[in-house]
């Protein structure tokens, strides 16, 4: 897939964990409304993202009907949406409704060759478990793709290959799929500029060997932030899922650096605007930056 744009800059969005179809009989379910709010905000944005990465758990139950609802949300958008699959997704029904999405050996794994930045979509879903998976064949594909091109590359996937610190929703550092992925990443440390993921329903960043992992917060309700150990046999009535606003991320690639921001589709009180009261402050800050750049050039 080859979107067109500037050769040195890229601005794109990320959404994750939509869980459309959580209420299968309700076309106006809360998760659908949350997604609608996020997409409306992205469409109205100036500048507008070149495309959106949807990093898995696109739907709740993996049915054809779920993906049909999702397709109806994506089709009117003025930019493409590139999908990864998560543990709630199903490859067969997804392929039925999104047949144009490339695959490798049955997995939803493919490259987005933007002129500014290469993005490799990885398929970490497993039919057998909630956590991630990444077999030898998929690892070999990734190794070959990274070997074939030395261009700056982002890896996008559903499952973060790193622990969350939240006891009931996390990944082990020694899981075989994590070791397999890390081995490939280690070989291509000069090429990979970032890893984008979802799954944890919370914003998180961490340094991984030779790459930074950014976990996008969810469109669906978030996982509660509680870092205490958890005893499965003795429930302690802690919060697990909370109704924080639907969220998304914005990524900027410029000057050889990937910058990531988190946004929410929520109403906020505005405490300051760029008007006559802030005019002098804004002018001073911009002038200060330009003066610094001039001194550095000299």
C-alpha atoms as a PDB file:
ATOM      1  CA  UNK A   1       0.000   0.000   0.000  1.00  0.00           C
ATOM      2  CA  UNK A   2       1.464   3.323  -1.084  1.00  0.00           C
ATOM      3  CA  UNK A   3      -0.097   6.565   0.205  1.00  0.00           C
ATOM      4  CA  UNK A   4       1.279   9.720  -1.356  1.00  0.00           C
ATOM      5  CA  UNK A   5       2.642  12.686   0.557  1.00  0.00           C
ATOM      6  CA  UNK A   6       5.797  14.734   1.274  1.00  0.00           C
ATOM      7  CA  UNK A   7       9.054  12.823   1.165  1.00  0.00           C
ATOM      8  CA  UNK A   8      10.283  14.058   4.553  1.00  0.00           C
ATOM      9  CA  UNK A   9       7.184  14.554   6.723  1.00  0.00           C
ATOM     10  CA  UNK A  10       4.143  12.526   7.715  1.00  0.00           C
ATOM     11  CA  UNK A  11       1.185  13.216   9.992  1.00  0.00           C
ATOM     12  CA  UNK A  12      -1.126  10.305  10.798  1.00  0.00           C
ATOM     13  CA  UNK A  13      -3.522   9.137  13.496  1.00  0.00           C
ATOM     14  CA  UNK A  14      -3.911   5.949  15.488  1.00  0.00           C
ATOM     15  CA  UNK A  15      -7.038   4.446  16.999  1.00  0.00           C
ATOM     16  CA  UNK A  16      -7.248   1.168  18.833  1.00  0.00           C
ATOM     17  CA  UNK A  17      -9.541  -1.177  20.724  1.00  0.00           C
ATOM     18  CA  UNK A  18     -12.828  -0.037  19.206  1.00  0.00           C
ATOM     19  CA  UNK A  19     -14.787  -3.156  20.231  1.00  0.00           C
ATOM     20  CA  UNK A  20     -17.642  -2.435  17.825  1.00  0.00           C
ATOM     21  CA  UNK A  21     -20.531  -4.858  18.364  1.00  0.00           C
ATOM     22  CA  UNK A  22     -20.204  -5.061  22.138  1.00  0.00           C
ATOM     23  CA  UNK A  23     -23.997  -4.744  22.070  1.00  0.00           C
ATOM     24  CA  UNK A  24     -24.769  -6.719  18.892  1.00  0.00           C
ATOM     25  CA  UNK A  25     -28.460  -5.848  18.749  1.00  0.00           C
ATOM     26  CA  UNK A  26     -27.942  -2.130  19.372  1.00  0.00           C
ATOM     27  CA  UNK A  27     -26.795  -0.093  16.326  1.00  0.00           C
ATOM     28  CA  UNK A  28     -26.404   2.934  18.626  1.00  0.00           C
ATOM     29  CA  UNK A  29     -24.265   1.204  21.221  1.00  0.00           C
ATOM     30  CA  UNK A  30     -21.871   3.262  23.315  1.00  0.00           C
ATOM     31  CA  UNK A  31     -18.757   1.955  21.543  1.00  0.00           C
ATOM     32  CA  UNK A  32     -20.180   2.993  18.166  1.00  0.00           C
ATOM     33  CA  UNK A  33     -20.947   6.480  19.484  1.00  0.00           C
ATOM     34  CA  UNK A  34     -17.423   6.720  20.926  1.00  0.00           C
ATOM     35  CA  UNK A  35     -15.909   5.768  17.571  1.00  0.00           C
ATOM     36  CA  UNK A  36     -18.161   8.235  15.734  1.00  0.00           C
ATOM     37  CA  UNK A  37     -16.967  11.034  18.028  1.00  0.00           C
ATOM     38  CA  UNK A  38     -13.291  10.219  17.459  1.00  0.00           C
ATOM     39  CA  UNK A  39     -13.657   9.934  13.682  1.00  0.00           C
ATOM     40  CA  UNK A  40     -15.610  13.194  13.478  1.00  0.00           C
ATOM     41  CA  UNK A  41     -12.825  14.956  15.358  1.00  0.00           C
ATOM     42  CA  UNK A  42     -10.133  13.530  13.051  1.00  0.00           C
ATOM     43  CA  UNK A  43     -12.084  14.501   9.922  1.00  0.00           C
ATOM     44  CA  UNK A  44     -12.479  18.079  11.185  1.00  0.00           C
ATOM     45  CA  UNK A  45      -8.816  18.401  12.140  1.00  0.00           C
ATOM     46  CA  UNK A  46      -6.558  20.950  10.445  1.00  0.00           C
ATOM     47  CA  UNK A  47      -4.162  19.682   9.267  1.00  0.00           C
ATOM     48  CA  UNK A  48      -5.983  16.440   8.598  1.00  0.00           C
ATOM     49  CA  UNK A  49      -4.150  13.132   9.142  1.00  0.00           C
ATOM     50  CA  UNK A  50      -2.934  11.426   5.978  1.00  0.00           C
ATOM     51  CA  UNK A  51      -4.376   8.145   7.210  1.00  0.00           C
ATOM     52  CA  UNK A  52      -5.423   6.271  10.344  1.00  0.00           C
ATOM     53  CA  UNK A  53      -3.870   3.147  11.831  1.00  0.00           C
ATOM     54  CA  UNK A  54      -6.465   1.001  13.613  1.00  0.00           C
ATOM     55  CA  UNK A  55      -4.362  -1.269  15.800  1.00  0.00           C
ATOM     56  CA  UNK A  56      -6.679  -4.135  16.613  1.00  0.00           C
ATOM     57  CA  UNK A  57      -9.681  -5.278  18.596  1.00  0.00           C
ATOM     58  CA  UNK A  58     -11.619  -3.564  15.858  1.00  0.00           C
ATOM     59  CA  UNK A  59     -14.764  -5.430  16.871  1.00  0.00           C
ATOM     60  CA  UNK A  60     -15.951  -7.300  19.945  1.00  0.00           C
ATOM     61  CA  UNK A  61     -17.087 -10.693  18.700  1.00  0.00           C
ATOM     62  CA  UNK A  62     -15.405 -11.088  15.313  1.00  0.00           C
ATOM     63  CA  UNK A  63     -18.628 -11.614  13.365  1.00  0.00           C
ATOM     64  CA  UNK A  64     -19.299 -10.563   9.792  1.00  0.00           C
ATOM     65  CA  UNK A  65     -22.040  -8.283  11.116  1.00  0.00           C
ATOM     66  CA  UNK A  66     -19.553  -6.542  13.425  1.00  0.00           C
ATOM     67  CA  UNK A  67     -17.192  -5.861  10.538  1.00  0.00           C
ATOM     68  CA  UNK A  68     -20.054  -4.631   8.366  1.00  0.00           C
ATOM     69  CA  UNK A  69     -20.839  -2.019  11.013  1.00  0.00           C
ATOM     70  CA  UNK A  70     -17.178  -1.051  11.121  1.00  0.00           C
ATOM     71  CA  UNK A  71     -17.014  -0.763   7.343  1.00  0.00           C
ATOM     72  CA  UNK A  72     -19.972   1.614   7.379  1.00  0.00           C
ATOM     73  CA  UNK A  73     -17.988   3.828   9.773  1.00  0.00           C
ATOM     74  CA  UNK A  74     -14.798   3.781   7.705  1.00  0.00           C
ATOM     75  CA  UNK A  75     -16.131   4.055   4.137  1.00  0.00           C
ATOM     76  CA  UNK A  76     -17.197   7.751   4.233  1.00  0.00           C
ATOM     77  CA  UNK A  77     -13.849   8.923   5.647  1.00  0.00           C
ATOM     78  CA  UNK A  78     -11.681  11.237   3.506  1.00  0.00           C
ATOM     79  CA  UNK A  79      -8.522   9.262   4.399  1.00  0.00           C
ATOM     80  CA  UNK A  80      -7.661   5.556   4.362  1.00  0.00           C
ATOM     81  CA  UNK A  81      -7.753   3.360   7.457  1.00  0.00           C
ATOM     82  CA  UNK A  82      -5.105   0.646   7.740  1.00  0.00           C
ATOM     83  CA  UNK A  83      -6.062  -2.174  10.086  1.00  0.00           C
ATOM     84  CA  UNK A  84      -4.216  -4.582  12.371  1.00  0.00           C
ATOM     85  CA  UNK A  85      -5.981  -7.476  14.069  1.00  0.00           C
ATOM     86  CA  UNK A  86      -6.265  -8.052  17.806  1.00  0.00           C
ATOM     87  CA  UNK A  87      -7.389 -10.911  20.014  1.00  0.00           C
ATOM     88  CA  UNK A  88     -11.089 -10.037  19.607  1.00  0.00           C
ATOM     89  CA  UNK A  89     -10.823 -10.078  15.810  1.00  0.00           C
ATOM     90  CA  UNK A  90     -11.302 -13.006  13.439  1.00  0.00           C
ATOM     91  CA  UNK A  91      -9.281 -13.277  10.238  1.00  0.00           C
ATOM     92  CA  UNK A  92     -11.982 -14.932   8.122  1.00  0.00           C
ATOM     93  CA  UNK A  93     -14.851 -12.522   8.801  1.00  0.00           C
ATOM     94  CA  UNK A  94     -12.468  -9.554   8.594  1.00  0.00           C
ATOM     95  CA  UNK A  95     -11.261 -10.684   5.152  1.00  0.00           C
ATOM     96  CA  UNK A  96     -14.851 -11.098   3.996  1.00  0.00           C
ATOM     97  CA  UNK A  97     -15.670  -7.442   4.650  1.00  0.00           C
ATOM     98  CA  UNK A  98     -12.205  -5.932   4.084  1.00  0.00           C
ATOM     99  CA  UNK A  99     -10.921  -8.064   1.171  1.00  0.00           C
ATOM    100  CA  UNK A 100      -8.597  -5.327  -0.083  1.00  0.00           C
ATOM    101  CA  UNK A 101      -6.375  -5.599   3.028  1.00  0.00           C
ATOM    102  CA  UNK A 102      -3.146  -7.429   2.131  1.00  0.00           C
ATOM    103  CA  UNK A 103      -2.228 -10.667   3.887  1.00  0.00           C
ATOM    104  CA  UNK A 104       0.788 -12.904   4.232  1.00  0.00           C
ATOM    105  CA  UNK A 105       0.234 -16.638   4.665  1.00  0.00           C
ATOM    106  CA  UNK A 106      -3.293 -15.933   5.927  1.00  0.00           C
ATOM    107  CA  UNK A 107      -2.164 -13.301   8.450  1.00  0.00           C
ATOM    108  CA  UNK A 108      -3.033  -9.610   8.183  1.00  0.00           C
ATOM    109  CA  UNK A 109       0.584  -8.507   7.792  1.00  0.00           C
ATOM    110  CA  UNK A 110       1.690  -5.957   5.183  1.00  0.00           C
ATOM    111  CA  UNK A 111       3.688  -2.821   4.433  1.00  0.00           C
ATOM    112  CA  UNK A 112       2.575   0.792   4.044  1.00  0.00           C
ATOM    113  CA  UNK A 113       5.206   2.445   1.847  1.00  0.00           C
ATOM    114  CA  UNK A 114       4.713   6.131   2.487  1.00  0.00           C
ATOM    115  CA  UNK A 115       7.370   8.352   0.858  1.00  0.00           C
ATOM    116  CA  UNK A 116       8.379   9.706   4.261  1.00  0.00           C
ATOM    117  CA  UNK A 117       8.132   6.666   6.512  1.00  0.00           C
ATOM    118  CA  UNK A 118       7.632   2.936   6.105  1.00  0.00           C
ATOM    119  CA  UNK A 119       5.072   1.247   8.365  1.00  0.00           C
ATOM    120  CA  UNK A 120       4.946  -2.523   8.748  1.00  0.00           C
ATOM    121  CA  UNK A 121       1.646  -3.905  10.041  1.00  0.00           C
ATOM    122  CA  UNK A 122       2.202  -7.057  12.102  1.00  0.00           C
ATOM    123  CA  UNK A 123      -0.371  -9.721  12.971  1.00  0.00           C
ATOM    124  CA  UNK A 124       0.043 -10.688  16.636  1.00  0.00           C
ATOM    125  CA  UNK A 125      -3.369 -12.296  17.134  1.00  0.00           C
ATOM    126  CA  UNK A 126      -3.755 -15.901  18.236  1.00  0.00           C
ATOM    127  CA  UNK A 127      -6.850 -18.039  17.777  1.00  0.00           C
ATOM    128  CA  UNK A 128      -6.035 -19.846  21.016  1.00  0.00           C
ATOM    129  CA  UNK A 129      -5.148 -17.134  23.549  1.00  0.00           C
ATOM    130  CA  UNK A 130      -5.902 -13.618  24.690  1.00  0.00           C
ATOM    131  CA  UNK A 131      -2.246 -12.631  24.579  1.00  0.00           C
ATOM    132  CA  UNK A 132      -0.070 -12.143  21.544  1.00  0.00           C
ATOM    133  CA  UNK A 133       1.617 -14.525  19.141  1.00  0.00           C
ATOM    134  CA  UNK A 134       4.177 -14.115  16.360  1.00  0.00           C
ATOM    135  CA  UNK A 135       5.396 -17.307  14.753  1.00  0.00           C
ATOM    136  CA  UNK A 136       8.590 -18.109  12.862  1.00  0.00           C
ATOM    137  CA  UNK A 137       7.005 -17.474   9.463  1.00  0.00           C
ATOM    138  CA  UNK A 138       5.794 -14.012  10.419  1.00  0.00           C
ATOM    139  CA  UNK A 139       9.173 -13.224  11.994  1.00  0.00           C
ATOM    140  CA  UNK A 140      10.924 -14.290   8.783  1.00  0.00           C
ATOM    141  CA  UNK A 141       8.625 -11.990   6.757  1.00  0.00           C
ATOM    142  CA  UNK A 142       9.499  -9.084   9.060  1.00  0.00           C
ATOM    143  CA  UNK A 143      13.213  -9.832   8.862  1.00  0.00           C
ATOM    144  CA  UNK A 144      13.052  -9.948   5.063  1.00  0.00           C
ATOM    145  CA  UNK A 145      11.085  -6.686   4.818  1.00  0.00           C
ATOM    146  CA  UNK A 146      13.531  -4.860   7.087  1.00  0.00           C
ATOM    147  CA  UNK A 147      16.488  -6.284   5.198  1.00  0.00           C
ATOM    148  CA  UNK A 148      15.040  -5.248   1.840  1.00  0.00           C
ATOM    149  CA  UNK A 149      14.724  -1.568   2.778  1.00  0.00           C
ATOM    150  CA  UNK A 150      16.957   0.585   5.010  1.00  0.00           C
ATOM    151  CA  UNK A 151      14.321   3.327   5.208  1.00  0.00           C
ATOM    152  CA  UNK A 152      13.076   4.520   8.638  1.00  0.00           C
ATOM    153  CA  UNK A 153      10.349   2.094   9.685  1.00  0.00           C
ATOM    154  CA  UNK A 154       7.594   1.947  12.292  1.00  0.00           C
ATOM    155  CA  UNK A 155       6.164  -1.384  13.443  1.00  0.00           C
ATOM    156  CA  UNK A 156       2.420  -1.383  14.211  1.00  0.00           C
ATOM    157  CA  UNK A 157       0.701  -4.241  16.030  1.00  0.00           C
ATOM    158  CA  UNK A 158      -2.038  -4.938  18.543  1.00  0.00           C
ATOM    159  CA  UNK A 159      -0.195  -6.579  21.441  1.00  0.00           C
ATOM    160  CA  UNK A 160       2.633  -4.590  23.043  1.00  0.00           C
ATOM    161  CA  UNK A 161       5.699  -6.830  23.437  1.00  0.00           C
ATOM    162  CA  UNK A 162       6.334  -5.480  26.916  1.00  0.00           C
ATOM    163  CA  UNK A 163       4.694  -5.674  30.366  1.00  0.00           C
ATOM    164  CA  UNK A 164       2.061  -3.102  31.291  1.00  0.00           C
ATOM    165  CA  UNK A 165       2.482  -3.175  35.067  1.00  0.00           C
ATOM    166  CA  UNK A 166      -1.254  -3.949  35.320  1.00  0.00           C
ATOM    167  CA  UNK A 167      -1.416  -7.477  36.678  1.00  0.00           C
ATOM    168  CA  UNK A 168      -4.473  -8.770  34.831  1.00  0.00           C
ATOM    169  CA  UNK A 169      -3.644  -7.350  31.384  1.00  0.00           C
ATOM    170  CA  UNK A 170       0.037  -7.683  30.593  1.00  0.00           C
ATOM    171  CA  UNK A 171       2.695  -9.444  28.547  1.00  0.00           C
ATOM    172  CA  UNK A 172       5.634 -11.438  29.895  1.00  0.00           C
ATOM    173  CA  UNK A 173       9.136 -10.455  28.813  1.00  0.00           C
ATOM    174  CA  UNK A 174      10.066 -14.090  28.178  1.00  0.00           C
ATOM    175  CA  UNK A 175       7.002 -15.144  26.153  1.00  0.00           C
ATOM    176  CA  UNK A 176       8.258 -16.966  23.034  1.00  0.00           C
ATOM    177  CA  UNK A 177       6.600 -14.548  20.628  1.00  0.00           C
ATOM    178  CA  UNK A 178       8.171 -11.570  22.404  1.00  0.00           C
ATOM    179  CA  UNK A 179      11.631 -13.136  22.248  1.00  0.00           C
ATOM    180  CA  UNK A 180      11.115 -13.936  18.559  1.00  0.00           C
ATOM    181  CA  UNK A 181      10.078 -10.361  17.747  1.00  0.00           C
ATOM    182  CA  UNK A 182      12.840  -8.823  19.858  1.00  0.00           C
ATOM    183  CA  UNK A 183      15.443 -10.931  18.057  1.00  0.00           C
ATOM    184  CA  UNK A 184      14.386  -9.452  14.703  1.00  0.00           C
ATOM    185  CA  UNK A 185      14.192  -5.919  16.092  1.00  0.00           C
ATOM    186  CA  UNK A 186      17.690  -6.255  17.538  1.00  0.00           C
ATOM    187  CA  UNK A 187      19.049  -7.094  14.094  1.00  0.00           C
ATOM    188  CA  UNK A 188      17.512  -3.981  12.562  1.00  0.00           C
ATOM    189  CA  UNK A 189      18.027  -1.427  15.308  1.00  0.00           C
ATOM    190  CA  UNK A 190      19.188   1.256  12.867  1.00  0.00           C
ATOM    191  CA  UNK A 191      15.989   1.012  10.813  1.00  0.00           C
ATOM    192  CA  UNK A 192      13.163   0.823  13.371  1.00  0.00           C
ATOM    193  CA  UNK A 193      12.185   4.239  14.734  1.00  0.00           C
ATOM    194  CA  UNK A 194       9.214   3.186  16.873  1.00  0.00           C
ATOM    195  CA  UNK A 195       6.652   0.514  17.751  1.00  0.00           C
ATOM    196  CA  UNK A 196       2.940   1.402  17.946  1.00  0.00           C
ATOM    197  CA  UNK A 197       0.482  -0.884  19.744  1.00  0.00           C
ATOM    198  CA  UNK A 198      -2.848  -1.062  21.557  1.00  0.00           C
ATOM    199  CA  UNK A 199      -4.452  -3.810  23.674  1.00  0.00           C
ATOM    200  CA  UNK A 200      -3.837  -2.270  27.098  1.00  0.00           C
ATOM    201  CA  UNK A 201      -6.666   0.303  26.790  1.00  0.00           C
ATOM    202  CA  UNK A 202      -4.334   2.859  28.388  1.00  0.00           C
ATOM    203  CA  UNK A 203      -1.629   5.263  27.238  1.00  0.00           C
ATOM    204  CA  UNK A 204       1.837   3.921  27.959  1.00  0.00           C
ATOM    205  CA  UNK A 205       5.368   4.458  26.707  1.00  0.00           C
ATOM    206  CA  UNK A 206       8.440   2.430  27.450  1.00  0.00           C
ATOM    207  CA  UNK A 207      11.978   1.967  26.202  1.00  0.00           C
ATOM    208  CA  UNK A 208      12.471  -1.421  24.616  1.00  0.00           C
ATOM    209  CA  UNK A 209      15.851  -2.636  23.359  1.00  0.00           C
ATOM    210  CA  UNK A 210      16.645  -0.355  20.420  1.00  0.00           C
ATOM    211  CA  UNK A 211      13.068   0.955  20.014  1.00  0.00           C
ATOM    212  CA  UNK A 212      10.434   2.981  21.873  1.00  0.00           C
ATOM    213  CA  UNK A 213       7.022   1.369  22.348  1.00  0.00           C
ATOM    214  CA  UNK A 214       3.990   3.666  22.332  1.00  0.00           C
ATOM    215  CA  UNK A 215       0.685   2.162  23.489  1.00  0.00           C
ATOM    216  CA  UNK A 216      -2.347   4.126  22.284  1.00  0.00           C
ATOM    217  CA  UNK A 217      -5.307   4.509  24.653  1.00  0.00           C
ATOM    218  CA  UNK A 218      -8.572   2.950  23.555  1.00  0.00           C
ATOM    219  CA  UNK A 219     -11.648   4.257  21.794  1.00  0.00           C
ATOM    220  CA  UNK A 220     -13.695   1.916  24.020  1.00  0.00           C
ATOM    221  CA  UNK A 221     -13.662   2.472  27.810  1.00  0.00           C
ATOM    222  CA  UNK A 222     -10.233   2.360  29.412  1.00  0.00           C
ATOM    223  CA  UNK A 223      -8.595  -0.113  31.738  1.00  0.00           C
ATOM    224  CA  UNK A 224      -8.276   1.348  35.242  1.00  0.00           C
ATOM    225  CA  UNK A 225      -4.773   2.419  36.254  1.00  0.00           C
ATOM    226  CA  UNK A 226      -3.969   0.181  39.229  1.00  0.00           C
ATOM    227  CA  UNK A 227      -0.427  -1.158  39.584  1.00  0.00           C
ATOM    228  CA  UNK A 228      -0.984  -3.271  42.702  1.00  0.00           C
ATOM    229  CA  UNK A 229      -0.410  -7.034  42.506  1.00  0.00           C
ATOM    230  CA  UNK A 230      -3.594  -9.007  41.871  1.00  0.00           C
ATOM    231  CA  UNK A 231      -4.751 -12.257  43.475  1.00  0.00           C
ATOM    232  CA  UNK A 232      -7.041 -14.144  41.092  1.00  0.00           C
ATOM    233  CA  UNK A 233      -8.426 -16.245  43.939  1.00  0.00           C
ATOM    234  CA  UNK A 234      -9.275 -13.333  46.226  1.00  0.00           C
ATOM    235  CA  UNK A 235     -11.150 -10.493  44.468  1.00  0.00           C
ATOM    236  CA  UNK A 236     -10.543  -7.125  46.126  1.00  0.00           C
ATOM    237  CA  UNK A 237     -13.280  -5.084  44.407  1.00  0.00           C
ATOM    238  CA  UNK A 238     -10.791  -2.922  42.532  1.00  0.00           C
ATOM    239  CA  UNK A 239     -11.894  -1.023  39.422  1.00  0.00           C
ATOM    240  CA  UNK A 240     -10.961  -2.781  36.167  1.00  0.00           C
ATOM    241  CA  UNK A 241     -12.768  -0.875  33.381  1.00  0.00           C
ATOM    242  CA  UNK A 242     -13.584   2.838  33.669  1.00  0.00           C
ATOM    243  CA  UNK A 243     -15.524   5.306  31.520  1.00  0.00           C
ATOM    244  CA  UNK A 244     -12.774   7.714  30.498  1.00  0.00           C
ATOM    245  CA  UNK A 245     -13.310   9.624  27.233  1.00  0.00           C
ATOM    246  CA  UNK A 246     -12.668   7.885  23.897  1.00  0.00           C
ATOM    247  CA  UNK A 247      -9.063   8.458  22.877  1.00  0.00           C
ATOM    248  CA  UNK A 248      -6.730   8.469  19.891  1.00  0.00           C
ATOM    249  CA  UNK A 249      -3.134   9.320  19.062  1.00  0.00           C
ATOM    250  CA  UNK A 250      -1.520  11.649  16.554  1.00  0.00           C
ATOM    251  CA  UNK A 251       1.949  10.861  15.209  1.00  0.00           C
ATOM    252  CA  UNK A 252       4.285  13.322  13.478  1.00  0.00           C
ATOM    253  CA  UNK A 253       7.340  12.155  11.559  1.00  0.00           C
ATOM    254  CA  UNK A 254       9.669  15.084  10.835  1.00  0.00           C
ATOM    255  CA  UNK A 255      13.381  15.826  11.096  1.00  0.00           C
ATOM    256  CA  UNK A 256      14.085  12.121  11.490  1.00  0.00           C
ATOM    257  CA  UNK A 257      12.016  11.893  14.683  1.00  0.00           C
ATOM    258  CA  UNK A 258       8.643  10.345  15.531  1.00  0.00           C
ATOM    259  CA  UNK A 259       6.571  12.496  17.913  1.00  0.00           C
ATOM    260  CA  UNK A 260       3.367  11.134  19.443  1.00  0.00           C
ATOM    261  CA  UNK A 261       0.466  12.965  21.085  1.00  0.00           C
ATOM    262  CA  UNK A 262      -2.674  11.690  22.817  1.00  0.00           C
ATOM    263  CA  UNK A 263      -6.086  13.270  22.320  1.00  0.00           C
ATOM    264  CA  UNK A 264      -9.582  12.583  23.593  1.00  0.00           C
ATOM    265  CA  UNK A 265     -13.002  13.190  22.097  1.00  0.00           C
ATOM    266  CA  UNK A 266     -14.352  15.181  25.015  1.00  0.00           C
ATOM    267  CA  UNK A 267     -15.553  18.688  25.768  1.00  0.00           C
ATOM    268  CA  UNK A 268     -13.129  20.847  27.740  1.00  0.00           C
ATOM    269  CA  UNK A 269     -13.264  24.284  29.282  1.00  0.00           C
ATOM    270  CA  UNK A 270     -10.928  26.649  27.393  1.00  0.00           C
ATOM    271  CA  UNK A 271      -8.809  28.751  29.765  1.00  0.00           C
ATOM    272  CA  UNK A 272      -6.778  30.617  27.136  1.00  0.00           C
ATOM    273  CA  UNK A 273      -7.010  31.361  23.423  1.00  0.00           C
ATOM    274  CA  UNK A 274      -4.694  33.005  20.924  1.00  0.00           C
ATOM    275  CA  UNK A 275      -6.207  36.482  21.077  1.00  0.00           C
ATOM    276  CA  UNK A 276      -5.078  39.988  21.991  1.00  0.00           C
ATOM    277  CA  UNK A 277      -4.402  38.923  25.575  1.00  0.00           C
ATOM    278  CA  UNK A 278      -1.907  36.219  24.554  1.00  0.00           C
ATOM    279  CA  UNK A 279      -0.536  37.950  21.439  1.00  0.00           C
ATOM    280  CA  UNK A 280       2.588  39.336  23.137  1.00  0.00           C
ATOM    281  CA  UNK A 281       3.376  36.034  24.847  1.00  0.00           C
ATOM    282  CA  UNK A 282       3.094  34.039  21.615  1.00  0.00           C
ATOM    283  CA  UNK A 283       5.234  36.537  19.716  1.00  0.00           C
ATOM    284  CA  UNK A 284       7.937  36.413  22.405  1.00  0.00           C
ATOM    285  CA  UNK A 285       8.037  32.604  22.481  1.00  0.00           C
ATOM    286  CA  UNK A 286       8.268  32.304  18.689  1.00  0.00           C
ATOM    287  CA  UNK A 287      10.957  34.978  18.511  1.00  0.00           C
ATOM    288  CA  UNK A 288      12.930  33.228  21.246  1.00  0.00           C
ATOM    289  CA  UNK A 289      12.889  29.983  19.290  1.00  0.00           C
ATOM    290  CA  UNK A 290      14.018  31.708  16.093  1.00  0.00           C
ATOM    291  CA  UNK A 291      16.799  33.546  17.948  1.00  0.00           C
ATOM    292  CA  UNK A 292      18.054  30.257  19.373  1.00  0.00           C
ATOM    293  CA  UNK A 293      18.053  28.657  15.934  1.00  0.00           C
ATOM    294  CA  UNK A 294      19.950  31.637  14.472  1.00  0.00           C
ATOM    295  CA  UNK A 295      22.648  31.460  17.169  1.00  0.00           C
ATOM    296  CA  UNK A 296      23.017  27.712  16.634  1.00  0.00           C
ATOM    297  CA  UNK A 297      23.452  28.218  12.872  1.00  0.00           C
ATOM    298  CA  UNK A 298      26.066  30.893  13.467  1.00  0.00           C
END
